[in-house]
Amino acid sequence: MTTDRSTAHPFTRDQSGHAARDRPPAVLFVCLGNICRSPLAEAALRAAAEAAGQAVEVDSAGTGGWHIGEPPDPRAQSVARAHGIDIGGYRVRQVSRSDFAHFDHIVALDHENLDVLRSLRPDDARARLSLLLDHVPGREGEAVADPYFGGPEGFEAAWAEVTAGAEGLLATLRKAE
């Protein structure tokens, strides 16, 4: 889902000159087309944060631009609905260089997209890069399988993985506060 990025700069300076946070942590999930895994991860983190009473800004994007402006894949929408979440209002967008200044965490769903993000990352970027499953103990370095060319079972498996990753990432964010 596209978020409003017109707000003031996310950091202010305290009296000692150190950066002080004046907004919740911001997380961007990234996959190839932003139609399957990344919108599911966005939905999973939104749900986990809401259940935990944790403020967090969440968005998703793709490294490719083929589906800009479209809603997520109908199969992704279906699996999200089966878990009580409506992602039909989300719209695809492509990751941009400005995302590296806006977001605290940019989380890739697989190694190929992480490599693309590393190549796009400006030298002065604030965002920390990781794979989603890096936030799940015992799953570090693993990719969330792309369900696009499969059936409903692949989307359900992706949902399970992004939910585990979102919960692990939320725990990381809570520790950082």
C-alpha atoms as a PDB file:
ATOM      1  CA  MET A   1       0.000   0.000   0.000  1.00  0.00           C
ATOM      2  CA  THR A   2       1.355   3.378  -0.848  1.00  0.00           C
ATOM      3  CA  THR A   3       1.922   5.570   2.159  1.00  0.00           C
ATOM      4  CA  ASP A   4       2.040   9.331   2.442  1.00  0.00           C
ATOM      5  CA  ARG A   5       5.665  10.375   2.197  1.00  0.00           C
ATOM      6  CA  SER A   6       4.938  14.099   2.423  1.00  0.00           C
ATOM      7  CA  THR A   7       5.518  14.248   6.172  1.00  0.00           C
ATOM      8  CA  ALA A   8       8.409  16.069   7.791  1.00  0.00           C
ATOM      9  CA  HIS A   9      11.852  14.513   8.020  1.00  0.00           C
ATOM     10  CA  PRO A  10      11.619  11.500  10.353  1.00  0.00           C
ATOM     11  CA  PHE A  11      14.375  12.644  12.718  1.00  0.00           C
ATOM     12  CA  THR A  12      14.883  15.718  14.796  1.00  0.00           C
ATOM     13  CA  ARG A  13      17.892  16.625  16.901  1.00  0.00           C
ATOM     14  CA  ASP A  14      17.816  16.533  20.686  1.00  0.00           C
ATOM     15  CA  GLN A  15      19.713  19.066  22.814  1.00  0.00           C
ATOM     16  CA  SER A  16      22.930  17.040  22.566  1.00  0.00           C
ATOM     17  CA  GLY A  17      22.746  17.072  18.770  1.00  0.00           C
ATOM     18  CA  HIS A  18      21.915  13.371  18.482  1.00  0.00           C
ATOM     19  CA  ALA A  19      19.155  12.178  16.200  1.00  0.00           C
ATOM     20  CA  ALA A  20      15.887  11.631  18.035  1.00  0.00           C
ATOM     21  CA  ARG A  21      13.064   9.640  16.487  1.00  0.00           C
ATOM     22  CA  ASP A  22       9.751  11.446  16.128  1.00  0.00           C
ATOM     23  CA  ARG A  23       7.939   8.693  14.236  1.00  0.00           C
ATOM     24  CA  PRO A  24       7.586   4.923  14.426  1.00  0.00           C
ATOM     25  CA  PRO A  25      10.063   2.671  12.621  1.00  0.00           C
ATOM     26  CA  ALA A  26       9.436   2.425   8.883  1.00  0.00           C
ATOM     27  CA  VAL A  27       9.717  -0.871   6.987  1.00  0.00           C
ATOM     28  CA  LEU A  28       9.573  -1.490   3.239  1.00  0.00           C
ATOM     29  CA  PHE A  29       9.179  -5.029   1.883  1.00  0.00           C
ATOM     30  CA  VAL A  30      10.512  -5.680  -1.613  1.00  0.00           C
ATOM     31  CA  CYS A  31      10.031  -8.508  -4.094  1.00  0.00           C
ATOM     32  CA  LEU A  32      10.192  -8.591  -7.890  1.00  0.00           C
ATOM     33  CA  GLY A  33       6.755  -7.389  -9.005  1.00  0.00           C
ATOM     34  CA  ASN A  34       5.136  -6.286  -5.714  1.00  0.00           C
ATOM     35  CA  ILE A  35       2.122  -8.483  -6.469  1.00  0.00           C
ATOM     36  CA  CYS A  36       2.667 -11.599  -4.320  1.00  0.00           C
ATOM     37  CA  ARG A  37       5.219 -11.829  -1.519  1.00  0.00           C
ATOM     38  CA  SER A  38       5.884  -8.191  -0.595  1.00  0.00           C
ATOM     39  CA  PRO A  39       2.216  -7.162  -0.243  1.00  0.00           C
ATOM     40  CA  LEU A  40       1.634 -10.309   1.828  1.00  0.00           C
ATOM     41  CA  ALA A  41       4.607  -9.380   4.034  1.00  0.00           C
ATOM     42  CA  GLU A  42       3.250  -5.840   4.351  1.00  0.00           C
ATOM     43  CA  ALA A  43      -0.130  -7.217   5.446  1.00  0.00           C
ATOM     44  CA  ALA A  44       1.456  -9.686   7.874  1.00  0.00           C
ATOM     45  CA  LEU A  45       3.547  -6.993   9.584  1.00  0.00           C
ATOM     46  CA  ARG A  46       0.584  -4.611   9.768  1.00  0.00           C
ATOM     47  CA  ALA A  47      -1.487  -7.346  11.438  1.00  0.00           C
ATOM     48  CA  ALA A  48       1.294  -8.383  13.840  1.00  0.00           C
ATOM     49  CA  ALA A  49       2.014  -4.780  14.817  1.00  0.00           C
ATOM     50  CA  GLU A  50      -1.655  -4.031  15.374  1.00  0.00           C
ATOM     51  CA  ALA A  51      -2.071  -7.147  17.537  1.00  0.00           C
ATOM     52  CA  ALA A  52       0.990  -6.142  19.589  1.00  0.00           C
ATOM     53  CA  GLY A  53      -0.018  -2.488  19.861  1.00  0.00           C
ATOM     54  CA  GLN A  54       3.224  -1.514  18.125  1.00  0.00           C
ATOM     55  CA  ALA A  55       3.319   1.578  15.917  1.00  0.00           C
ATOM     56  CA  VAL A  56       5.116   0.909  12.649  1.00  0.00           C
ATOM     57  CA  GLU A  57       4.963   2.376   9.160  1.00  0.00           C
ATOM     58  CA  VAL A  58       4.805  -0.368   6.537  1.00  0.00           C
ATOM     59  CA  ASP A  59       4.851  -0.364   2.739  1.00  0.00           C
ATOM     60  CA  SER A  60       5.869  -2.678  -0.085  1.00  0.00           C
ATOM     61  CA  ALA A  61       7.400  -2.249  -3.526  1.00  0.00           C
ATOM     62  CA  GLY A  62       8.873  -4.207  -6.402  1.00  0.00           C
ATOM     63  CA  THR A  63      12.235  -3.975  -8.098  1.00  0.00           C
ATOM     64  CA  GLY A  64      10.453  -4.351 -11.442  1.00  0.00           C
ATOM     65  CA  GLY A  65       7.890  -1.943 -12.822  1.00  0.00           C
ATOM     66  CA  TRP A  66       5.602  -4.223 -14.844  1.00  0.00           C
ATOM     67  CA  HIS A  67       2.559  -3.935 -12.559  1.00  0.00           C
ATOM     68  CA  ILE A  68       2.711  -0.324 -11.302  1.00  0.00           C
ATOM     69  CA  GLY A  69      -0.704   0.850 -10.135  1.00  0.00           C
ATOM     70  CA  GLU A  70      -2.253  -2.623 -10.168  1.00  0.00           C
ATOM     71  CA  PRO A  71      -3.608  -4.455  -7.113  1.00  0.00           C
ATOM     72  CA  PRO A  72      -1.837  -7.565  -5.790  1.00  0.00           C
ATOM     73  CA  ASP A  73      -2.261 -10.895  -7.570  1.00  0.00           C
ATOM     74  CA  PRO A  74      -5.780 -12.289  -6.962  1.00  0.00           C
ATOM     75  CA  ARG A  75      -4.249 -15.395  -5.359  1.00  0.00           C
ATOM     76  CA  ALA A  76      -2.348 -13.209  -2.869  1.00  0.00           C
ATOM     77  CA  GLN A  77      -5.566 -11.337  -2.130  1.00  0.00           C
ATOM     78  CA  SER A  78      -7.350 -14.638  -1.607  1.00  0.00           C
ATOM     79  CA  VAL A  79      -4.839 -16.019   0.880  1.00  0.00           C
ATOM     80  CA  ALA A  80      -4.786 -12.722   2.789  1.00  0.00           C
ATOM     81  CA  ARG A  81      -8.608 -12.732   2.933  1.00  0.00           C
ATOM     82  CA  ALA A  82      -8.513 -16.307   4.221  1.00  0.00           C
ATOM     83  CA  HIS A  83      -6.490 -14.922   7.139  1.00  0.00           C
ATOM     84  CA  GLY A  84      -8.862 -12.009   7.726  1.00  0.00           C
ATOM     85  CA  ILE A  85      -6.924  -9.295   5.871  1.00  0.00           C
ATOM     86  CA  ASP A  86      -8.037  -7.319   2.828  1.00  0.00           C
ATOM     87  CA  ILE A  87      -5.149  -6.223   0.582  1.00  0.00           C
ATOM     88  CA  GLY A  88      -7.356  -5.371  -2.393  1.00  0.00           C
ATOM     89  CA  GLY A  89      -6.706  -1.657  -1.884  1.00  0.00           C
ATOM     90  CA  TYR A  90      -2.917  -2.035  -2.084  1.00  0.00           C
ATOM     91  CA  ARG A  91      -1.345  -0.766  -5.297  1.00  0.00           C
ATOM     92  CA  VAL A  92       1.932  -1.819  -6.850  1.00  0.00           C
ATOM     93  CA  ARG A  93       4.795   0.605  -6.883  1.00  0.00           C
ATOM     94  CA  GLN A  94       8.449   0.324  -7.790  1.00  0.00           C
ATOM     95  CA  VAL A  95      11.204   0.851  -5.243  1.00  0.00           C
ATOM     96  CA  SER A  96      13.010   4.181  -5.589  1.00  0.00           C
ATOM     97  CA  ARG A  97      16.291   5.633  -4.388  1.00  0.00           C
ATOM     98  CA  SER A  98      14.359   7.941  -2.046  1.00  0.00           C
ATOM     99  CA  ASP A  99      13.106   4.864  -0.174  1.00  0.00           C
ATOM    100  CA  PHE A 100      16.624   4.386   1.203  1.00  0.00           C
ATOM    101  CA  ALA A 101      16.363   7.730   3.016  1.00  0.00           C
ATOM    102  CA  HIS A 102      12.770   7.294   4.154  1.00  0.00           C
ATOM    103  CA  PHE A 103      12.725   3.738   5.508  1.00  0.00           C
ATOM    104  CA  ASP A 104      14.676   2.360   8.457  1.00  0.00           C
ATOM    105  CA  HIS A 105      14.520  -1.203   7.131  1.00  0.00           C
ATOM    106  CA  ILE A 106      14.213  -2.386   3.548  1.00  0.00           C
ATOM    107  CA  VAL A 107      13.512  -6.089   3.616  1.00  0.00           C
ATOM    108  CA  ALA A 108      13.932  -8.240   0.519  1.00  0.00           C
ATOM    109  CA  LEU A 109      12.023 -11.452   0.009  1.00  0.00           C
ATOM    110  CA  ASP A 110      14.834 -13.200  -1.886  1.00  0.00           C
ATOM    111  CA  HIS A 111      18.528 -12.946  -2.752  1.00  0.00           C
ATOM    112  CA  GLU A 112      18.042 -11.556  -6.268  1.00  0.00           C
ATOM    113  CA  ASN A 113      15.993  -8.628  -5.014  1.00  0.00           C
ATOM    114  CA  LEU A 114      18.446  -8.060  -2.170  1.00  0.00           C
ATOM    115  CA  ASP A 115      21.231  -7.824  -4.768  1.00  0.00           C
ATOM    116  CA  VAL A 116      19.211  -5.267  -6.755  1.00  0.00           C
ATOM    117  CA  LEU A 117      18.594  -3.261  -3.586  1.00  0.00           C
ATOM    118  CA  ARG A 118      22.303  -3.291  -2.776  1.00  0.00           C
ATOM    119  CA  SER A 119      23.052  -1.936  -6.263  1.00  0.00           C
ATOM    120  CA  LEU A 120      20.445   0.846  -5.877  1.00  0.00           C
ATOM    121  CA  ARG A 121      21.443   1.787  -2.325  1.00  0.00           C
ATOM    122  CA  PRO A 122      22.964   5.287  -2.162  1.00  0.00           C
ATOM    123  CA  ASP A 123      26.135   5.738  -0.123  1.00  0.00           C
ATOM    124  CA  ASP A 124      24.295   7.932   2.374  1.00  0.00           C
ATOM    125  CA  ALA A 125      21.361   5.536   2.794  1.00  0.00           C
ATOM    126  CA  ARG A 126      19.841   5.209   6.231  1.00  0.00           C
ATOM    127  CA  ALA A 127      17.878   2.024   5.545  1.00  0.00           C
ATOM    128  CA  ARG A 128      19.263  -1.284   6.736  1.00  0.00           C
ATOM    129  CA  LEU A 129      18.920  -4.121   4.233  1.00  0.00           C
ATOM    130  CA  SER A 130      18.028  -7.702   5.120  1.00  0.00           C
ATOM    131  CA  LEU A 131      16.183 -10.753   3.920  1.00  0.00           C
ATOM    132  CA  LEU A 132      12.820 -11.290   5.604  1.00  0.00           C
ATOM    133  CA  LEU A 133      13.728 -14.741   6.881  1.00  0.00           C
ATOM    134  CA  ASP A 134      16.903 -13.331   8.480  1.00  0.00           C
ATOM    135  CA  HIS A 135      14.496 -12.346  11.257  1.00  0.00           C
ATOM    136  CA  VAL A 136      13.408 -15.947  11.905  1.00  0.00           C
ATOM    137  CA  PRO A 137      15.831 -17.935  14.078  1.00  0.00           C
ATOM    138  CA  GLY A 138      17.191 -20.874  12.098  1.00  0.00           C
ATOM    139  CA  ARG A 139      16.020 -19.437   8.744  1.00  0.00           C
ATOM    140  CA  GLU A 140      18.693 -16.747   8.303  1.00  0.00           C
ATOM    141  CA  GLY A 141      19.846 -16.387   4.709  1.00  0.00           C
ATOM    142  CA  GLU A 142      16.802 -18.151   3.266  1.00  0.00           C
ATOM    143  CA  ALA A 143      14.451 -16.706   0.668  1.00  0.00           C
ATOM    144  CA  VAL A 144      10.662 -16.750   0.715  1.00  0.00           C
ATOM    145  CA  ALA A 145       9.717 -18.949  -2.234  1.00  0.00           C
ATOM    146  CA  ASP A 146       7.976 -17.098  -5.066  1.00  0.00           C
ATOM    147  CA  PRO A 147       4.474 -18.575  -5.430  1.00  0.00           C
ATOM    148  CA  TYR A 148       3.677 -16.815  -8.730  1.00  0.00           C
ATOM    149  CA  PHE A 149       3.999 -19.833 -11.044  1.00  0.00           C
ATOM    150  CA  GLY A 150       2.257 -22.261  -8.707  1.00  0.00           C
ATOM    151  CA  GLY A 151      -1.137 -22.854  -7.219  1.00  0.00           C
ATOM    152  CA  PRO A 152      -2.888 -21.804  -4.017  1.00  0.00           C
ATOM    153  CA  GLU A 153      -0.667 -24.006  -1.856  1.00  0.00           C
ATOM    154  CA  GLY A 154       2.352 -21.873  -2.791  1.00  0.00           C
ATOM    155  CA  PHE A 155       0.553 -18.728  -1.681  1.00  0.00           C
ATOM    156  CA  GLU A 156      -0.416 -20.361   1.595  1.00  0.00           C
ATOM    157  CA  ALA A 157       3.228 -21.416   2.133  1.00  0.00           C
ATOM    158  CA  ALA A 158       4.364 -17.859   1.319  1.00  0.00           C
ATOM    159  CA  TRP A 159       1.833 -16.517   3.829  1.00  0.00           C
ATOM    160  CA  ALA A 160       3.237 -18.804   6.544  1.00  0.00           C
ATOM    161  CA  GLU A 161       6.787 -17.648   5.786  1.00  0.00           C
ATOM    162  CA  VAL A 162       6.009 -13.925   5.622  1.00  0.00           C
ATOM    163  CA  THR A 163       4.003 -14.177   8.839  1.00  0.00           C
ATOM    164  CA  ALA A 164       6.932 -15.811  10.646  1.00  0.00           C
ATOM    165  CA  GLY A 165       9.274 -13.194   9.197  1.00  0.00           C
ATOM    166  CA  ALA A 166       6.979 -10.325  10.150  1.00  0.00           C
ATOM    167  CA  GLU A 167       6.702 -11.565  13.727  1.00  0.00           C
ATOM    168  CA  GLY A 168      10.490 -11.938  13.951  1.00  0.00           C
ATOM    169  CA  LEU A 169      11.051  -8.481  12.487  1.00  0.00           C
ATOM    170  CA  LEU A 170       8.515  -6.981  14.890  1.00  0.00           C
ATOM    171  CA  ALA A 171      10.409  -8.547  17.803  1.00  0.00           C
ATOM    172  CA  THR A 172      13.620  -6.962  16.447  1.00  0.00           C
ATOM    173  CA  LEU A 173      11.919  -3.561  16.186  1.00  0.00           C
ATOM    174  CA  ARG A 174      10.585  -3.819  19.738  1.00  0.00           C
ATOM    175  CA  LYS A 175      14.065  -4.618  21.098  1.00  0.00           C
ATOM    176  CA  ALA A 176      15.492  -1.550  19.347  1.00  0.00           C
ATOM    177  CA  GLU A 177      13.144   0.849  21.158  1.00  0.00           C
END
